[in-house]
PDB file of N, CA and C in Angstrom:
ATOM      1  N   LEU A   1      32.830 215.886  80.900  1.00  0.00           N
ATOM      2  CA  LEU A   1      32.060 217.255  80.485  1.00  0.00           C
ATOM      3  C   LEU A   1      30.610 217.186  80.241  1.00  0.00           C
ATOM      4  N   GLU A   2      29.966 217.918  80.642  1.00  0.00           N
ATOM      5  CA  GLU A   2      28.362 217.828  80.484  1.00  0.00           C
ATOM      6  C   GLU A   2      27.866 218.713  79.080  1.00  0.00           C
ATOM      7  N   PHE A   3      28.019 218.057  78.028  1.00  0.00           N
ATOM      8  CA  PHE A   3      27.716 218.921  76.603  1.00  0.00           C
ATOM      9  C   PHE A   3      26.316 219.346  76.900  1.00  0.00           C
ATOM     10  N   ILE A   4      25.316 218.991  77.698  1.00  0.00           N
ATOM     11  CA  ILE A   4      23.946 219.325  77.418  1.00  0.00           C
ATOM     12  C   ILE A   4      23.860 220.749  77.667  1.00  0.00           C
ATOM     13  N   ILE A   5      24.541 221.277  78.759  1.00  0.00           N
ATOM     14  CA  ILE A   5      24.340 222.767  79.045  1.00  0.00           C
ATOM     15  C   ILE A   5      25.368 223.499  78.254  1.00  0.00           C
ATOM     16  N   LEU A   6      25.987 223.303  77.032  1.00  0.00           N
ATOM     17  CA  LEU A   6      26.762 223.903  76.419  1.00  0.00           C
ATOM     18  C   LEU A   6      26.126 224.528  74.936  1.00  0.00           C
ATOM     19  N   GLY A   7      26.398 225.839  74.937  1.00  0.00           N
ATOM     20  CA  GLY A   7      25.971 226.412  73.768  1.00  0.00           C
ATOM     21  C   GLY A   7      26.667 226.277  72.684  1.00  0.00           C
ATOM     22  N   VAL A   8      26.289 226.400  71.340  1.00  0.00           N
ATOM     23  CA  VAL A   8      27.109 226.037  69.982  1.00  0.00           C
ATOM     24  C   VAL A   8      27.226 227.356  69.387  1.00  0.00           C
ATOM     25  N   ILE A   9      28.109 227.689  68.907  1.00  0.00           N
ATOM     26  CA  ILE A   9      28.379 228.815  67.670  1.00  0.00           C
ATOM     27  C   ILE A   9      29.295 228.387  66.623  1.00  0.00           C
ATOM     28  N   ASN A  10      28.841 229.072  65.395  1.00  0.00           N
ATOM     29  CA  ASN A  10      29.490 228.417  64.372  1.00  0.00           C
ATOM     30  C   ASN A  10      30.332 229.806  64.125  1.00  0.00           C
ATOM     31  N   ILE A  11      31.597 229.242  63.872  1.00  0.00           N
ATOM     32  CA  ILE A  11      32.734 230.342  63.902  1.00  0.00           C
ATOM     33  C   ILE A  11      32.830 230.977  62.625  1.00  0.00           C
ATOM     34  N   ASN A  12      32.301 230.407  61.532  1.00  0.00           N
ATOM     35  CA  ASN A  12      32.109 231.149  59.926  1.00  0.00           C
ATOM     36  C   ASN A  12      31.485 232.238  60.003  1.00  0.00           C
ATOM     37  N   ASP A  13      30.414 232.380  60.872  1.00  0.00           N
ATOM     38  CA  ASP A  13      29.144 233.526  60.578  1.00  0.00           C
ATOM     39  C   ASP A  13      29.060 233.965  62.196  1.00  0.00           C
ATOM     40  N   GLY A  14      29.524 233.556  63.165  1.00  0.00           N
ATOM     41  CA  GLY A  14      29.059 233.849  64.261  1.00  0.00           C
ATOM     42  C   GLY A  14      27.709 233.571  64.919  1.00  0.00           C
ATOM     43  N   ARG A  15      26.982 232.782  64.075  1.00  0.00           N
ATOM     44  CA  ARG A  15      25.522 232.347  64.475  1.00  0.00           C
ATOM     45  C   ARG A  15      25.634 231.275  65.652  1.00  0.00           C
ATOM     46  N   ARG A  16      24.560 231.622  66.510  1.00  0.00           N
ATOM     47  CA  ARG A  16      24.544 230.731  67.787  1.00  0.00           C
ATOM     48  C   ARG A  16      23.549 229.666  67.055  1.00  0.00           C
ATOM     49  N   LEU A  17      23.881 228.569  67.365  1.00  0.00           N
ATOM     50  CA  LEU A  17      22.921 227.291  66.650  1.00  0.00           C
ATOM     51  C   LEU A  17      22.024 226.792  67.766  1.00  0.00           C
ATOM     52  N   GLY A  18      22.508 227.128  69.063  1.00  0.00           N
ATOM     53  CA  GLY A  18      21.762 226.578  70.034  1.00  0.00           C
ATOM     54  C   GLY A  18      22.523 225.883  71.255  1.00  0.00           C
ATOM     55  N   PHE A  19      21.697 224.890  71.927  1.00  0.00           N
ATOM     56  CA  PHE A  19      22.431 224.112  72.995  1.00  0.00           C
ATOM     57  C   PHE A  19      22.433 222.744  72.604  1.00  0.00           C
ATOM     58  N   VAL A  20      23.250 221.991  72.959  1.00  0.00           N
ATOM     59  CA  VAL A  20      23.410 220.505  72.570  1.00  0.00           C
ATOM     60  C   VAL A  20      22.217 219.647  73.513  1.00  0.00           C
ATOM     61  N   CYS A  21      21.738 218.926  72.695  1.00  0.00           N
ATOM     62  CA  CYS A  21      20.370 218.163  73.444  1.00  0.00           C
ATOM     63  C   CYS A  21      20.960 216.675  73.441  1.00  0.00           C
ATOM     64  N   ASP A  22      21.849 216.220  72.578  1.00  0.00           N
ATOM     65  CA  ASP A  22      22.107 214.864  72.551  1.00  0.00           C
ATOM     66  C   ASP A  22      23.576 214.724  71.880  1.00  0.00           C
ATOM     67  N   VAL A  23      24.009 213.693  72.216  1.00  0.00           N
ATOM     68  CA  VAL A  23      25.150 213.219  71.554  1.00  0.00           C
ATOM     69  C   VAL A  23      25.173 211.791  70.955  1.00  0.00           C
ATOM     70  N   GLU A  24      26.012 211.705  69.642  1.00  0.00           N
ATOM     71  CA  GLU A  24      25.694 210.280  68.983  1.00  0.00           C
ATOM     72  C   GLU A  24      27.250 209.720  69.526  1.00  0.00           C
ATOM     73  N   ILE A  25      27.137 208.267  70.007  1.00  0.00           N
ATOM     74  CA  ILE A  25      28.210 207.641  70.405  1.00  0.00           C
ATOM     75  C   ILE A  25      28.362 206.344  69.969  1.00  0.00           C
ATOM     76  N   ASP A  26      29.713 206.126  69.251  1.00  0.00           N
ATOM     77  CA  ASP A  26      30.186 204.808  68.639  1.00  0.00           C
ATOM     78  C   ASP A  26      30.357 203.864  69.957  1.00  0.00           C
ATOM     79  N   PHE A  27      29.389 202.800  70.336  1.00  0.00           N
ATOM     80  CA  PHE A  27      29.645 202.185  71.507  1.00  0.00           C
ATOM     81  C   PHE A  27      30.704 201.064  71.475  1.00  0.00           C
ATOM     82  N   GLU A  28      31.298 200.889  70.217  1.00  0.00           N
ATOM     83  CA  GLU A  28      32.028 199.728  69.882  1.00  0.00           C
ATOM     84  C   GLU A  28      33.595 200.560  70.428  1.00  0.00           C
ATOM     85  N   SER A  29      33.832 201.699  70.002  1.00  0.00           N
ATOM     86  CA  SER A  29      34.961 202.382  70.196  1.00  0.00           C
ATOM     87  C   SER A  29      35.119 203.498  71.357  1.00  0.00           C
ATOM     88  N   GLY A  30      33.661 203.513  71.930  1.00  0.00           N
ATOM     89  CA  GLY A  30      33.620 204.553  72.921  1.00  0.00           C
ATOM     90  C   GLY A  30      33.671 206.033  72.761  1.00  0.00           C
ATOM     91  N   ARG A  31      33.695 206.395  71.298  1.00  0.00           N
ATOM     92  CA  ARG A  31      33.806 207.659  71.150  1.00  0.00           C
ATOM     93  C   ARG A  31      32.568 208.270  70.490  1.00  0.00           C
ATOM     94  N   ILE A  32      32.736 209.698  71.164  1.00  0.00           N
ATOM     95  CA  ILE A  32      31.612 210.622  70.294  1.00  0.00           C
ATOM     96  C   ILE A  32      31.676 210.977  69.314  1.00  0.00           C
ATOM     97  N   GLU A  33      30.543 210.480  68.427  1.00  0.00           N
ATOM     98  CA  GLU A  33      30.655 210.670  66.984  1.00  0.00           C
ATOM     99  C   GLU A  33      30.129 211.909  66.426  1.00  0.00           C
ATOM    100  N   ALA A  34      29.490 212.525  67.177  1.00  0.00           N
ATOM    101  CA  ALA A  34      28.535 213.805  67.028  1.00  0.00           C
ATOM    102  C   ALA A  34      27.747 214.494  67.948  1.00  0.00           C
ATOM    103  N   ILE A  35      27.500 215.832  68.044  1.00  0.00           N
ATOM    104  CA  ILE A  35      26.809 216.397  68.834  1.00  0.00           C
ATOM    105  C   ILE A  35      25.392 216.722  68.047  1.00  0.00           C
ATOM    106  N   VAL A  36      24.382 216.598  68.848  1.00  0.00           N
ATOM    107  CA  VAL A  36      22.992 217.021  68.342  1.00  0.00           C
ATOM    108  C   VAL A  36      22.391 218.341  68.982  1.00  0.00           C
ATOM    109  N   ILE A  37      21.828 219.326  68.071  1.00  0.00           N
ATOM    110  CA  ILE A  37      21.461 220.595  68.377  1.00  0.00           C
ATOM    111  C   ILE A  37      20.000 220.381  67.914  1.00  0.00           C
ATOM    112  N   PRO A  38      19.035 220.801  68.732  1.00  0.00           N
ATOM    113  CA  PRO A  38      17.614 220.682  68.199  1.00  0.00           C
ATOM    114  C   PRO A  38      17.292 221.961  67.219  1.00  0.00           C
ATOM    115  N   GLY A  39      16.598 221.597  65.943  1.00  0.00           N
ATOM    116  CA  GLY A  39      16.029 222.511  65.104  1.00  0.00           C
ATOM    117  C   GLY A  39      15.082 223.386  65.730  1.00  0.00           C
ATOM    118  N   GLY A  40      14.647 224.520  65.264  1.00  0.00           N
ATOM    119  CA  GLY A  40      13.521 225.565  65.871  1.00  0.00           C
ATOM    120  C   GLY A  40      12.241 224.962  65.614  1.00  0.00           C
ATOM    121  N   GLY A  41      11.379 225.264  66.266  1.00  0.00           N
ATOM    122  CA  GLY A  41       9.831 224.912  66.083  1.00  0.00           C
ATOM    123  C   GLY A  41       9.416 225.999  65.097  1.00  0.00           C
ATOM    124  N   ARG A  42       8.388 225.990  64.350  1.00  0.00           N
ATOM    125  CA  ARG A  42       7.782 226.873  63.659  1.00  0.00           C
ATOM    126  C   ARG A  42       6.404 227.736  64.344  1.00  0.00           C
ATOM    127  N   LEU A  43       5.791 226.799  65.260  1.00  0.00           N
ATOM    128  CA  LEU A  43       4.747 227.481  66.232  1.00  0.00           C
ATOM    129  C   LEU A  43       4.934 227.019  67.330  1.00  0.00           C
ATOM    130  N   PHE A  44       5.673 227.685  68.062  1.00  0.00           N
ATOM    131  CA  PHE A  44       5.772 227.424  69.903  1.00  0.00           C
ATOM    132  C   PHE A  44       6.404 225.908  69.706  1.00  0.00           C
ATOM    133  N   GLY A  45       6.882 225.281  68.512  1.00  0.00           N
ATOM    134  CA  GLY A  45       7.427 223.976  68.919  1.00  0.00           C
ATOM    135  C   GLY A  45       6.292 223.007  68.809  1.00  0.00           C
ATOM    136  N   LEU A  46       5.128 223.446  68.322  1.00  0.00           N
ATOM    137  CA  LEU A  46       4.050 222.395  68.479  1.00  0.00           C
ATOM    138  C   LEU A  46       3.713 221.845  66.930  1.00  0.00           C
ATOM    139  N   ILE A  47       3.689 222.658  66.061  1.00  0.00           N
ATOM    140  CA  ILE A  47       3.360 222.233  64.560  1.00  0.00           C
ATOM    141  C   ILE A  47       4.660 222.799  63.587  1.00  0.00           C
ATOM    142  N   GLY A  48       5.262 221.504  63.064  1.00  0.00           N
ATOM    143  CA  GLY A  48       6.297 221.464  62.266  1.00  0.00           C
ATOM    144  C   GLY A  48       7.443 221.799  63.102  1.00  0.00           C
ATOM    145  N   LYS A  49       8.598 221.569  62.686  1.00  0.00           N
ATOM    146  CA  LYS A  49       9.820 221.368  63.107  1.00  0.00           C
ATOM    147  C   LYS A  49      11.040 221.383  61.848  1.00  0.00           C
ATOM    148  N   GLU A  50      12.045 222.297  62.236  1.00  0.00           N
ATOM    149  CA  GLU A  50      13.257 222.196  61.446  1.00  0.00           C
ATOM    150  C   GLU A  50      13.917 220.770  61.741  1.00  0.00           C
ATOM    151  N   LYS A  51      14.880 220.380  61.089  1.00  0.00           N
ATOM    152  CA  LYS A  51      15.520 219.224  61.173  1.00  0.00           C
ATOM    153  C   LYS A  51      16.780 219.899  62.235  1.00  0.00           C
ATOM    154  N   ASP A  52      16.930 218.878  63.060  1.00  0.00           N
ATOM    155  CA  ASP A  52      17.923 218.932  64.131  1.00  0.00           C
ATOM    156  C   ASP A  52      19.303 219.129  63.387  1.00  0.00           C
ATOM    157  N   TYR A  53      20.535 219.857  63.981  1.00  0.00           N
ATOM    158  CA  TYR A  53      21.629 220.014  63.363  1.00  0.00           C
ATOM    159  C   TYR A  53      22.357 218.683  64.342  1.00  0.00           C
ATOM    160  N   VAL A  54      22.877 217.947  63.257  1.00  0.00           N
ATOM    161  CA  VAL A  54      23.924 216.922  63.876  1.00  0.00           C
ATOM    162  C   VAL A  54      25.397 217.210  63.337  1.00  0.00           C
ATOM    163  N   ILE A  55      26.127 217.674  64.213  1.00  0.00           N
ATOM    164  CA  ILE A  55      27.432 218.203  63.939  1.00  0.00           C
ATOM    165  C   ILE A  55      28.380 216.925  64.250  1.00  0.00           C
ATOM    166  N   PRO A  56      29.108 216.499  63.186  1.00  0.00           N
ATOM    167  CA  PRO A  56      30.462 215.376  63.351  1.00  0.00           C
ATOM    168  C   PRO A  56      31.395 216.056  64.307  1.00  0.00           C
ATOM    169  N   TRP A  57      31.850 215.397  65.081  1.00  0.00           N
ATOM    170  CA  TRP A  57      32.974 215.636  65.899  1.00  0.00           C
ATOM    171  C   TRP A  57      34.342 216.481  65.102  1.00  0.00           C
ATOM    172  N   ASP A  58      34.454 216.004  64.024  1.00  0.00           N
ATOM    173  CA  ASP A  58      35.435 216.722  63.471  1.00  0.00           C
ATOM    174  C   ASP A  58      35.216 217.927  63.111  1.00  0.00           C
ATOM    175  N   ARG A  59      33.853 218.210  62.812  1.00  0.00           N
ATOM    176  CA  ARG A  59      33.669 219.937  62.793  1.00  0.00           C
ATOM    177  C   ARG A  59      33.852 220.806  64.143  1.00  0.00           C
ATOM    178  N   ILE A  60      34.074 220.124  65.265  1.00  0.00           N
ATOM    179  CA  ILE A  60      34.229 220.918  66.725  1.00  0.00           C
ATOM    180  C   ILE A  60      35.423 221.313  66.582  1.00  0.00           C
ATOM    181  N   LYS A  61      35.775 222.718  66.753  1.00  0.00           N
ATOM    182  CA  LYS A  61      37.194 223.255  66.681  1.00  0.00           C
ATOM    183  C   LYS A  61      37.619 223.424  68.536  1.00  0.00           C
ATOM    184  N   LYS A  62      36.614 223.913  69.202  1.00  0.00           N
ATOM    185  CA  LYS A  62      37.080 224.166  70.505  1.00  0.00           C
ATOM    186  C   LYS A  62      35.926 224.124  71.518  1.00  0.00           C
ATOM    187  N   ILE A  63      36.163 223.182  72.694  1.00  0.00           N
ATOM    188  CA  ILE A  63      35.187 223.173  73.653  1.00  0.00           C
ATOM    189  C   ILE A  63      35.512 223.869  74.847  1.00  0.00           C
ATOM    190  N   GLY A  64      34.886 225.003  75.076  1.00  0.00           N
ATOM    191  CA  GLY A  64      35.257 225.865  76.470  1.00  0.00           C
ATOM    192  C   GLY A  64      34.523 225.393  77.442  1.00  0.00           C
ATOM    193  N   GLU A  65      34.401 226.144  78.599  1.00  0.00           N
ATOM    194  CA  GLU A  65      33.643 225.917  79.872  1.00  0.00           C
ATOM    195  C   GLU A  65      32.021 226.104  79.645  1.00  0.00           C
ATOM    196  N   ASP A  66      31.639 226.971  78.803  1.00  0.00           N
ATOM    197  CA  ASP A  66      30.260 227.294  78.561  1.00  0.00           C
ATOM    198  C   ASP A  66      29.998 227.192  77.085  1.00  0.00           C
ATOM    199  N   ILE A  67      30.728 226.885  75.952  1.00  0.00           N
ATOM    200  CA  ILE A  67      30.608 227.073  74.578  1.00  0.00           C
ATOM    201  C   ILE A  67      31.193 226.176  73.908  1.00  0.00           C
ATOM    202  N   ILE A  68      30.866 225.906  72.772  1.00  0.00           N
ATOM    203  CA  ILE A  68      31.371 224.818  71.916  1.00  0.00           C
ATOM    204  C   ILE A  68      31.531 225.660  70.628  1.00  0.00           C
ATOM    205  N   LEU A  69      32.584 225.704  69.924  1.00  0.00           N
ATOM    206  CA  LEU A  69      32.691 226.520  68.656  1.00  0.00           C
ATOM    207  C   LEU A  69      32.839 225.506  67.562  1.00  0.00           C
ATOM    208  N   VAL A  70      32.100 225.656  66.738  1.00  0.00           N
ATOM    209  CA  VAL A  70      31.926 224.464  65.524  1.00  0.00           C
ATOM    210  C   VAL A  70      32.697 225.274  63.981  1.00  0.00           C
ATOM    211  N   ASP A  71      32.852 224.692  63.166  1.00  0.00           N
ATOM    212  CA  ASP A  71      33.083 225.197  61.819  1.00  0.00           C
ATOM    213  C   ASP A  71      32.149 224.585  60.896  1.00  0.00           C
ATOM    214  N   MET A  72      31.360 225.507  60.609  1.00  0.00           N
ATOM    215  CA  MET A  72      30.379 224.735  59.650  1.00  0.00           C
ATOM    216  C   MET A  72      30.040 225.978  58.496  1.00  0.00           C
ATOM    217  N   ASP A  73      30.641 225.144  57.037  1.00  0.00           N
ATOM    218  CA  ASP A  73      30.426 226.605  56.145  1.00  0.00           C
ATOM    219  C   ASP A  73      29.071 226.248  55.239  1.00  0.00           C
ATOM    220  N   GLU A  74      28.581 227.313  54.583  1.00  0.00           N
ATOM    221  CA  GLU A  74      27.318 227.306  53.710  1.00  0.00           C
ATOM    222  C   GLU A  74      27.141 226.201  53.236  1.00  0.00           C
ATOM    223  N   ARG A  75      28.077 225.415  52.725  1.00  0.00           N
ATOM    224  CA  ARG A  75      28.029 224.248  51.440  1.00  0.00           C
ATOM    225  C   ARG A  75      27.613 223.343  52.555  1.00  0.00           C
ATOM    226  N   TYR A  76      27.993 223.241  53.784  1.00  0.00           N
ATOM    227  CA  TYR A  76      27.763 222.025  54.723  1.00  0.00           C
ATOM    228  C   TYR A  76      26.276 222.302  55.181  1.00  0.00           C
ATOM    229  N   PHE A  77      25.681 223.429  55.648  1.00  0.00           N
ATOM    230  CA  PHE A  77      24.436 223.521  55.923  1.00  0.00           C
ATOM    231  C   PHE A  77      23.512 223.414  54.836  1.00  0.00           C
ATOM    232  N   ARG A  78      23.893 223.654  53.188  1.00  0.00           N
ATOM    233  CA  ARG A  78      22.790 223.414  52.354  1.00  0.00           C
ATOM    234  C   ARG A  78      22.715 221.872  52.113  1.00  0.00           C
ATOM    235  N   LYS A  79      23.951 221.241  52.201  1.00  0.00           N
ATOM    236  CA  LYS A  79      23.832 219.734  51.974  1.00  0.00           C
ATOM    237  C   LYS A  79      23.117 218.952  53.104  1.00  0.00           C
ATOM    238  N   HIS A  80      23.468 219.228  54.311  1.00  0.00           N
ATOM    239  CA  HIS A  80      22.710 218.548  55.502  1.00  0.00           C
ATOM    240  C   HIS A  80      21.439 219.009  55.936  1.00  0.00           C
ATOM    241  N   PHE A  81      21.057 220.264  55.878  1.00  0.00           N
ATOM    242  CA  PHE A  81      20.078 220.932  56.645  1.00  0.00           C
ATOM    243  C   PHE A  81      18.881 221.527  55.705  1.00  0.00           C
ATOM    244  N   GLU A  82      18.923 221.581  54.509  1.00  0.00           N
ATOM    245  CA  GLU A  82      17.706 222.033  53.541  1.00  0.00           C
ATOM    246  C   GLU A  82      17.367 221.026  52.882  1.00  0.00           C
TER     247      GLU A  82
END
């Protein structure tokens, strides 16, 4: 699978989070640990930047041909991204 071209949608609120820009891999086990979605820029991406979304593999619910569905509730967002 080429994750970089896949969009990511949160099934809890229907929010489109963006596109996968990277993956985190455990090289000892060869397993994907998380996918990374870039945070939005504040001024044309030049000045300031929001945190990237790092979504653990266990939060991925479905991988389709052109989309990844993840289950991210508000508590998770507040804890990890604010």
